[in-house]
PDB file of all heavy atoms in Angstrom:
ATOM      1  N   GLU A   1       3.069  96.422 -66.245  1.00  0.00           N
ATOM      2  CA  GLU A   1       4.170  95.733 -66.920  1.00  0.00           C
ATOM      3  C   GLU A   1       5.490  96.171 -66.300  1.00  0.00           C
ATOM      4  O   GLU A   1       5.758  97.368 -66.181  1.00  0.00           O
ATOM      5  CB  GLU A   1       4.183  96.062 -68.419  1.00  0.00           C
ATOM      6  CG  GLU A   1       5.336  95.411 -69.165  1.00  0.00           C
ATOM      7  CD  GLU A   1       5.459  95.879 -70.613  1.00  0.00           C
ATOM      8  OE1 GLU A   1       4.879  96.930 -70.947  1.00  0.00           O
ATOM      9  OE2 GLU A   1       6.144  95.203 -71.397  1.00  0.00           O
ATOM     10  N   LEU A   2       6.305  95.199 -65.911  1.00  0.00           N
ATOM     11  CA  LEU A   2       7.594  95.492 -65.294  1.00  0.00           C
ATOM     12  C   LEU A   2       8.630  94.497 -65.800  1.00  0.00           C
ATOM     13  O   LEU A   2       8.496  93.291 -65.613  1.00  0.00           O
ATOM     14  CB  LEU A   2       7.489  95.406 -63.762  1.00  0.00           C
ATOM     15  CG  LEU A   2       8.746  95.752 -62.961  1.00  0.00           C
ATOM     16  CD1 LEU A   2       9.210  97.173 -63.256  1.00  0.00           C
ATOM     17  CD2 LEU A   2       8.493  95.582 -61.464  1.00  0.00           C
ATOM     18  N   ASP A   3       9.655  95.013 -66.468  1.00  0.00           N
ATOM     19  CA  ASP A   3      10.730  94.173 -67.004  1.00  0.00           C
ATOM     20  C   ASP A   3      12.016  94.479 -66.251  1.00  0.00           C
ATOM     21  O   ASP A   3      12.617  95.552 -66.422  1.00  0.00           O
ATOM     22  CB  ASP A   3      10.908  94.444 -68.506  1.00  0.00           C
ATOM     23  CG  ASP A   3      11.891  93.467 -69.152  1.00  0.00           C
ATOM     24  OD1 ASP A   3      12.588  92.745 -68.411  1.00  0.00           O
ATOM     25  OD2 ASP A   3      11.982  93.438 -70.390  1.00  0.00           O
ATOM     26  N   LEU A   4      12.446  93.535 -65.411  1.00  0.00           N
ATOM     27  CA  LEU A   4      13.666  93.692 -64.605  1.00  0.00           C
ATOM     28  C   LEU A   4      14.724  92.673 -65.018  1.00  0.00           C
ATOM     29  O   LEU A   4      15.635  92.371 -64.242  1.00  0.00           O
ATOM     30  CB  LEU A   4      13.334  93.523 -63.122  1.00  0.00           C
ATOM     31  CG  LEU A   4      12.298  94.484 -62.540  1.00  0.00           C
ATOM     32  CD1 LEU A   4      12.050  94.181 -61.075  1.00  0.00           C
ATOM     33  CD2 LEU A   4      12.740  95.931 -62.712  1.00  0.00           C
ATOM     34  N   THR A   5      14.637  92.169 -66.231  1.00  0.00           N
ATOM     35  CA  THR A   5      15.573  91.153 -66.706  1.00  0.00           C
ATOM     36  C   THR A   5      17.017  91.591 -66.508  1.00  0.00           C
ATOM     37  O   THR A   5      17.393  92.725 -66.826  1.00  0.00           O
ATOM     38  CB  THR A   5      15.333  90.872 -68.204  1.00  0.00           C
ATOM     39  OG1 THR A   5      13.970  90.494 -68.393  1.00  0.00           O
ATOM     40  CG2 THR A   5      16.247  89.773 -68.714  1.00  0.00           C
ATOM     41  N   ASP A   6      17.834  90.664 -65.984  1.00  0.00           N
ATOM     42  CA  ASP A   6      19.275  90.899 -65.822  1.00  0.00           C
ATOM     43  C   ASP A   6      19.562  92.119 -64.949  1.00  0.00           C
ATOM     44  O   ASP A   6      20.291  93.029 -65.335  1.00  0.00           O
ATOM     45  CB  ASP A   6      19.930  91.053 -67.199  1.00  0.00           C
ATOM     46  CG  ASP A   6      21.457  91.058 -67.119  1.00  0.00           C
ATOM     47  OD1 ASP A   6      22.005  90.564 -66.115  1.00  0.00           O
ATOM     48  OD2 ASP A   6      22.097  91.581 -68.056  1.00  0.00           O
ATOM     49  N   ASN A   7      18.965  92.136 -63.763  1.00  0.00           N
ATOM     50  CA  ASN A   7      19.200  93.216 -62.808  1.00  0.00           C
ATOM     51  C   ASN A   7      19.537  92.650 -61.436  1.00  0.00           C
ATOM     52  O   ASN A   7      19.500  91.441 -61.218  1.00  0.00           O
ATOM     53  CB  ASN A   7      17.965  94.126 -62.722  1.00  0.00           C
ATOM     54  CG  ASN A   7      17.967  95.209 -63.792  1.00  0.00           C
ATOM     55  OD1 ASN A   7      18.806  96.100 -63.771  1.00  0.00           O
ATOM     56  ND2 ASN A   7      17.036  95.122 -64.732  1.00  0.00           N
ATOM     57  N   GLU A   8      19.832  93.548 -60.492  1.00  0.00           N
ATOM     58  CA  GLU A   8      20.261  93.154 -59.151  1.00  0.00           C
ATOM     59  C   GLU A   8      19.105  93.047 -58.154  1.00  0.00           C
ATOM     60  O   GLU A   8      19.333  93.011 -56.952  1.00  0.00           O
ATOM     61  CB  GLU A   8      21.282  94.161 -58.623  1.00  0.00           C
ATOM     62  CG  GLU A   8      22.604  94.161 -59.371  1.00  0.00           C
ATOM     63  CD  GLU A   8      23.325  92.825 -59.261  1.00  0.00           C
ATOM     64  OE1 GLU A   8      23.415  92.292 -58.138  1.00  0.00           O
ATOM     65  OE2 GLU A   8      23.786  92.309 -60.286  1.00  0.00           O
ATOM     66  N   VAL A   9      17.886  93.022 -58.639  1.00  0.00           N
ATOM     67  CA  VAL A   9      16.739  92.918 -57.745  1.00  0.00           C
ATOM     68  C   VAL A   9      16.844  91.659 -56.884  1.00  0.00           C
ATOM     69  O   VAL A   9      17.276  90.608 -57.349  1.00  0.00           O
ATOM     70  CB  VAL A   9      15.412  92.921 -58.557  1.00  0.00           C
ATOM     71  CG1 VAL A   9      15.352  91.754 -59.515  1.00  0.00           C
ATOM     72  CG2 VAL A   9      14.213  92.933 -57.632  1.00  0.00           C
ATOM     73  N   ASP A  10      16.462  91.787 -55.616  1.00  0.00           N
ATOM     74  CA  ASP A  10      16.508  90.639 -54.700  1.00  0.00           C
ATOM     75  C   ASP A  10      15.132  90.416 -54.080  1.00  0.00           C
ATOM     76  O   ASP A  10      14.133  91.008 -54.502  1.00  0.00           O
ATOM     77  CB  ASP A  10      17.579  90.841 -53.624  1.00  0.00           C
ATOM     78  CG  ASP A  10      17.332  92.089 -52.780  1.00  0.00           C
ATOM     79  OD1 ASP A  10      16.247  92.715 -52.941  1.00  0.00           O
ATOM     80  OD2 ASP A  10      18.197  92.435 -51.959  1.00  0.00           O
ATOM     81  N   ASP A  11      15.061  89.574 -53.055  1.00  0.00           N
ATOM     82  CA  ASP A  11      13.783  89.220 -52.446  1.00  0.00           C
ATOM     83  C   ASP A  11      13.098  90.423 -51.798  1.00  0.00           C
ATOM     84  O   ASP A  11      11.862  90.537 -51.826  1.00  0.00           O
ATOM     85  CB  ASP A  11      13.978  88.119 -51.401  1.00  0.00           C
ATOM     86  CG  ASP A  11      14.287  86.773 -52.038  1.00  0.00           C
ATOM     87  OD1 ASP A  11      13.942  86.601 -53.227  1.00  0.00           O
ATOM     88  OD2 ASP A  11      14.863  85.909 -51.365  1.00  0.00           O
ATOM     89  N   GLU A  12      13.872  91.317 -51.201  1.00  0.00           N
ATOM     90  CA  GLU A  12      13.274  92.510 -50.602  1.00  0.00           C
ATOM     91  C   GLU A  12      12.648  93.390 -51.676  1.00  0.00           C
ATOM     92  O   GLU A  12      11.596  94.001 -51.462  1.00  0.00           O
ATOM     93  CB  GLU A  12      14.332  93.291 -49.813  1.00  0.00           C
ATOM     94  CG  GLU A  12      14.777  92.612 -48.531  1.00  0.00           C
ATOM     95  CD  GLU A  12      13.608  92.330 -47.600  1.00  0.00           C
ATOM     96  OE1 GLU A  12      12.778  93.245 -47.392  1.00  0.00           O
ATOM     97  OE2 GLU A  12      13.521  91.205 -47.081  1.00  0.00           O
ATOM     98  N   GLY A  13      13.303  93.439 -52.827  1.00  0.00           N
ATOM     99  CA  GLY A  13      12.738  94.185 -53.942  1.00  0.00           C
ATOM    100  C   GLY A  13      11.429  93.582 -54.410  1.00  0.00           C
ATOM    101  O   GLY A  13      10.450  94.293 -54.654  1.00  0.00           O
ATOM    102  N   LEU A  14      11.382  92.244 -54.547  1.00  0.00           N
ATOM    103  CA  LEU A  14      10.146  91.580 -54.965  1.00  0.00           C
ATOM    104  C   LEU A  14       9.042  91.749 -53.919  1.00  0.00           C
ATOM    105  O   LEU A  14       7.871  91.910 -54.263  1.00  0.00           O
ATOM    106  CB  LEU A  14      10.401  90.093 -55.207  1.00  0.00           C
ATOM    107  CG  LEU A  14      11.152  89.708 -56.493  1.00  0.00           C
ATOM    108  CD1 LEU A  14      11.147  88.198 -56.671  1.00  0.00           C
ATOM    109  CD2 LEU A  14      10.554  90.380 -57.711  1.00  0.00           C
ATOM    110  N   LYS A  15       9.409  91.703 -52.663  1.00  0.00           N
ATOM    111  CA  LYS A  15       8.428  91.892 -51.593  1.00  0.00           C
ATOM    112  C   LYS A  15       7.774  93.266 -51.715  1.00  0.00           C
ATOM    113  O   LYS A  15       6.549  93.407 -51.559  1.00  0.00           O
ATOM    114  CB  LYS A  15       9.108  91.737 -50.240  1.00  0.00           C
ATOM    115  CG  LYS A  15       8.157  91.871 -49.058  1.00  0.00           C
ATOM    116  CD  LYS A  15       8.904  91.675 -47.738  1.00  0.00           C
ATOM    117  CE  LYS A  15       7.964  91.823 -46.550  1.00  0.00           C
ATOM    118  NZ  LYS A  15       8.694  91.637 -45.259  1.00  0.00           N
ATOM    119  N   SER A  16       8.585  94.260 -52.025  1.00  0.00           N
ATOM    120  CA  SER A  16       8.057  95.612 -52.203  1.00  0.00           C
ATOM    121  C   SER A  16       7.229  95.718 -53.476  1.00  0.00           C
ATOM    122  O   SER A  16       6.145  96.309 -53.494  1.00  0.00           O
ATOM    123  CB  SER A  16       9.209  96.624 -52.241  1.00  0.00           C
ATOM    124  OG  SER A  16       8.733  97.936 -52.446  1.00  0.00           O
ATOM    125  N   ILE A  17       7.717  95.104 -54.568  1.00  0.00           N
ATOM    126  CA  ILE A  17       7.019  95.160 -55.857  1.00  0.00           C
ATOM    127  C   ILE A  17       5.670  94.447 -55.789  1.00  0.00           C
ATOM    128  O   ILE A  17       4.753  94.764 -56.546  1.00  0.00           O
ATOM    129  CB  ILE A  17       7.918  94.554 -56.959  1.00  0.00           C
ATOM    130  CG1 ILE A  17       9.096  95.494 -57.240  1.00  0.00           C
ATOM    131  CG2 ILE A  17       7.146  94.276 -58.243  1.00  0.00           C
ATOM    132  CD1 ILE A  17      10.191  94.899 -58.094  1.00  0.00           C
ATOM    133  N   SER A  18       5.527  93.510 -54.863  1.00  0.00           N
ATOM    134  CA  SER A  18       4.253  92.793 -54.732  1.00  0.00           C
ATOM    135  C   SER A  18       3.109  93.730 -54.350  1.00  0.00           C
ATOM    136  O   SER A  18       1.934  93.355 -54.449  1.00  0.00           O
ATOM    137  CB  SER A  18       4.377  91.668 -53.691  1.00  0.00           C
ATOM    138  OG  SER A  18       4.564  92.195 -52.389  1.00  0.00           O
ATOM    139  N   ARG A  19       3.428  94.959 -53.941  1.00  0.00           N
ATOM    140  CA  ARG A  19       2.385  95.954 -53.666  1.00  0.00           C
ATOM    141  C   ARG A  19       1.698  96.402 -54.952  1.00  0.00           C
ATOM    142  O   ARG A  19       0.601  96.961 -54.906  1.00  0.00           O
ATOM    143  CB  ARG A  19       2.993  97.176 -52.973  1.00  0.00           C
ATOM    144  CG  ARG A  19       3.705  96.887 -51.663  1.00  0.00           C
ATOM    145  CD  ARG A  19       4.297  98.169 -51.092  1.00  0.00           C
ATOM    146  NE  ARG A  19       5.111  97.930 -49.909  1.00  0.00           N
ATOM    147  CZ  ARG A  19       5.757  98.880 -49.230  1.00  0.00           C
ATOM    148  NH1 ARG A  19       5.660 100.135 -49.646  1.00  0.00           N
ATOM    149  NH2 ARG A  19       6.472  98.574 -48.166  1.00  0.00           N
ATOM    150  N   CYS A  20       2.353  96.177 -56.086  1.00  0.00           N
ATOM    151  CA  CYS A  20       1.778  96.559 -57.381  1.00  0.00           C
ATOM    152  C   CYS A  20       0.760  95.497 -57.780  1.00  0.00           C
ATOM    153  O   CYS A  20       1.039  94.602 -58.591  1.00  0.00           O
ATOM    154  CB  CYS A  20       2.874  96.689 -58.440  1.00  0.00           C
ATOM    155  SG  CYS A  20       4.213  97.809 -57.981  1.00  0.00           S
ATOM    156  N   SER A  21      -0.411  95.595 -57.217  1.00  0.00           N
ATOM    157  CA  SER A  21      -1.412  94.537 -57.356  1.00  0.00           C
ATOM    158  C   SER A  21      -1.988  94.443 -58.769  1.00  0.00           C
ATOM    159  O   SER A  21      -2.669  93.460 -59.094  1.00  0.00           O
ATOM    160  CB  SER A  21      -2.552  94.775 -56.360  1.00  0.00           C
ATOM    161  OG  SER A  21      -3.151  96.045 -56.580  1.00  0.00           O
ATOM    162  N   LYS A  22      -1.731  95.436 -59.621  1.00  0.00           N
ATOM    163  CA  LYS A  22      -2.259  95.414 -60.991  1.00  0.00           C
ATOM    164  C   LYS A  22      -1.296  94.768 -61.980  1.00  0.00           C
ATOM    165  O   LYS A  22      -1.589  94.706 -63.174  1.00  0.00           O
ATOM    166  CB  LYS A  22      -2.589  96.837 -61.453  1.00  0.00           C
ATOM    167  CG  LYS A  22      -3.697  97.498 -60.648  1.00  0.00           C
ATOM    168  CD  LYS A  22      -4.054  98.867 -61.213  1.00  0.00           C
ATOM    169  CE  LYS A  22      -5.196  99.496 -60.442  1.00  0.00           C
ATOM    170  NZ  LYS A  22      -5.576 100.818 -61.004  1.00  0.00           N
ATOM    171  N   LEU A  23      -0.160  94.291 -61.512  1.00  0.00           N
ATOM    172  CA  LEU A  23       0.836  93.698 -62.402  1.00  0.00           C
ATOM    173  C   LEU A  23       0.241  92.548 -63.220  1.00  0.00           C
ATOM    174  O   LEU A  23      -0.352  91.621 -62.672  1.00  0.00           O
ATOM    175  CB  LEU A  23       2.017  93.157 -61.598  1.00  0.00           C
ATOM    176  CG  LEU A  23       3.243  94.054 -61.426  1.00  0.00           C
ATOM    177  CD1 LEU A  23       4.332  93.304 -60.674  1.00  0.00           C
ATOM    178  CD2 LEU A  23       3.781  94.554 -62.754  1.00  0.00           C
ATOM    179  N   SER A  24       0.439  92.628 -64.541  1.00  0.00           N
ATOM    180  CA  SER A  24       0.022  91.528 -65.405  1.00  0.00           C
ATOM    181  C   SER A  24       1.219  90.873 -66.090  1.00  0.00           C
ATOM    182  O   SER A  24       1.151  89.706 -66.463  1.00  0.00           O
ATOM    183  CB  SER A  24      -0.976  92.022 -66.456  1.00  0.00           C
ATOM    184  OG  SER A  24      -0.379  93.001 -67.298  1.00  0.00           O
ATOM    185  N   SER A  25       2.307  91.628 -66.251  1.00  0.00           N
ATOM    186  CA  SER A  25       3.516  91.084 -66.885  1.00  0.00           C
ATOM    187  C   SER A  25       4.731  91.403 -66.030  1.00  0.00           C
ATOM    188  O   SER A  25       5.001  92.571 -65.742  1.00  0.00           O
ATOM    189  CB  SER A  25       3.692  91.687 -68.293  1.00  0.00           C
ATOM    190  OG  SER A  25       4.911  91.259 -68.879  1.00  0.00           O
ATOM    191  N   LEU A  26       5.462  90.361 -65.625  1.00  0.00           N
ATOM    192  CA  LEU A  26       6.655  90.524 -64.796  1.00  0.00           C
ATOM    193  C   LEU A  26       7.779  89.669 -65.365  1.00  0.00           C
ATOM    194  O   LEU A  26       7.651  88.444 -65.460  1.00  0.00           O
ATOM    195  CB  LEU A  26       6.356  90.106 -63.347  1.00  0.00           C
ATOM    196  CG  LEU A  26       7.517  90.203 -62.348  1.00  0.00           C
ATOM    197  CD1 LEU A  26       8.034  91.631 -62.247  1.00  0.00           C
ATOM    198  CD2 LEU A  26       7.090  89.688 -60.978  1.00  0.00           C
ATOM    199  N   LYS A  27       8.869  90.323 -65.746  1.00  0.00           N
ATOM    200  CA  LYS A  27      10.005  89.616 -66.332  1.00  0.00           C
ATOM    201  C   LYS A  27      11.202  89.726 -65.394  1.00  0.00           C
ATOM    202  O   LYS A  27      11.688  90.820 -65.111  1.00  0.00           O
ATOM    203  CB  LYS A  27      10.340  90.198 -67.709  1.00  0.00           C
ATOM    204  CG  LYS A  27       9.215  89.993 -68.726  1.00  0.00           C
ATOM    205  CD  LYS A  27       9.593  90.488 -70.109  1.00  0.00           C
ATOM    206  CE  LYS A  27       8.466  90.232 -71.095  1.00  0.00           C
ATOM    207  NZ  LYS A  27       8.810  90.692 -72.469  1.00  0.00           N
ATOM    208  N   LEU A  28      11.669  88.554 -64.949  1.00  0.00           N
ATOM    209  CA  LEU A  28      12.755  88.481 -63.968  1.00  0.00           C
ATOM    210  C   LEU A  28      13.890  87.598 -64.461  1.00  0.00           C
ATOM    211  O   LEU A  28      14.674  87.086 -63.665  1.00  0.00           O
ATOM    212  CB  LEU A  28      12.216  87.933 -62.643  1.00  0.00           C
ATOM    213  CG  LEU A  28      11.102  88.743 -61.971  1.00  0.00           C
ATOM    214  CD1 LEU A  28      10.478  87.953 -60.825  1.00  0.00           C
ATOM    215  CD2 LEU A  28      11.643  90.078 -61.462  1.00  0.00           C
ATOM    216  N   GLY A  29      13.984  87.405 -65.772  1.00  0.00           N
ATOM    217  CA  GLY A  29      15.027  86.549 -66.316  1.00  0.00           C
ATOM    218  C   GLY A  29      16.425  86.979 -65.900  1.00  0.00           C
ATOM    219  O   GLY A  29      16.744  88.168 -65.866  1.00  0.00           O
ATOM    220  N   ILE A  30      17.267  86.012 -65.556  1.00  0.00           N
ATOM    221  CA  ILE A  30      18.671  86.232 -65.163  1.00  0.00           C
ATOM    222  C   ILE A  30      18.779  87.148 -63.954  1.00  0.00           C
ATOM    223  O   ILE A  30      19.775  87.866 -63.782  1.00  0.00           O
ATOM    224  CB  ILE A  30      19.518  86.791 -66.335  1.00  0.00           C
ATOM    225  CG1 ILE A  30      19.045  86.239 -67.671  1.00  0.00           C
ATOM    226  CG2 ILE A  30      21.001  86.415 -66.162  1.00  0.00           C
ATOM    227  CD1 ILE A  30      19.815  86.755 -68.868  1.00  0.00           C
ATOM    228  N   CYS A  31      17.766  87.169 -63.100  1.00  0.00           N
ATOM    229  CA  CYS A  31      17.851  87.878 -61.819  1.00  0.00           C
ATOM    230  C   CYS A  31      18.313  86.854 -60.784  1.00  0.00           C
ATOM    231  O   CYS A  31      17.496  86.117 -60.206  1.00  0.00           O
ATOM    232  CB  CYS A  31      16.505  88.486 -61.444  1.00  0.00           C
ATOM    233  SG  CYS A  31      15.991  89.844 -62.528  1.00  0.00           S
ATOM    234  N   LEU A  32      19.601  86.798 -60.550  1.00  0.00           N
ATOM    235  CA  LEU A  32      20.203  85.711 -59.787  1.00  0.00           C
ATOM    236  C   LEU A  32      20.064  85.862 -58.285  1.00  0.00           C
ATOM    237  O   LEU A  32      20.430  84.950 -57.527  1.00  0.00           O
ATOM    238  CB  LEU A  32      21.682  85.593 -60.163  1.00  0.00           C
ATOM    239  CG  LEU A  32      21.977  85.430 -61.667  1.00  0.00           C
ATOM    240  CD1 LEU A  32      23.466  85.284 -61.905  1.00  0.00           C
ATOM    241  CD2 LEU A  32      21.225  84.227 -62.237  1.00  0.00           C
ATOM    242  N   ASN A  33      19.555  87.009 -57.821  1.00  0.00           N
ATOM    243  CA  ASN A  33      19.452  87.246 -56.378  1.00  0.00           C
ATOM    244  C   ASN A  33      18.092  86.911 -55.801  1.00  0.00           C
ATOM    245  O   ASN A  33      17.892  87.006 -54.591  1.00  0.00           O
ATOM    246  CB  ASN A  33      19.771  88.719 -56.070  1.00  0.00           C
ATOM    247  CG  ASN A  33      21.180  89.102 -56.477  1.00  0.00           C
ATOM    248  OD1 ASN A  33      22.117  88.335 -56.306  1.00  0.00           O
ATOM    249  ND2 ASN A  33      21.334  90.293 -57.042  1.00  0.00           N
ATOM    250  N   ILE A  34      17.134  86.541 -56.645  1.00  0.00           N
ATOM    251  CA  ILE A  34      15.798  86.259 -56.132  1.00  0.00           C
ATOM    252  C   ILE A  34      15.662  84.777 -55.788  1.00  0.00           C
ATOM    253  O   ILE A  34      16.295  83.920 -56.403  1.00  0.00           O
ATOM    254  CB  ILE A  34      14.705  86.672 -57.131  1.00  0.00           C
ATOM    255  CG1 ILE A  34      14.791  85.855 -58.421  1.00  0.00           C
ATOM    256  CG2 ILE A  34      14.791  88.152 -57.446  1.00  0.00           C
ATOM    257  CD1 ILE A  34      13.618  86.085 -59.357  1.00  0.00           C
TER     258      ILE A  34
END
């Protein structure tokens, strides 16, 4: 579970987070850089 709502995460961050292959819940609301 990863909640990044309203943060500065960008595409490079998501590319890195994609290594977390067990992710079942991902919240990216109001992440305007992705």
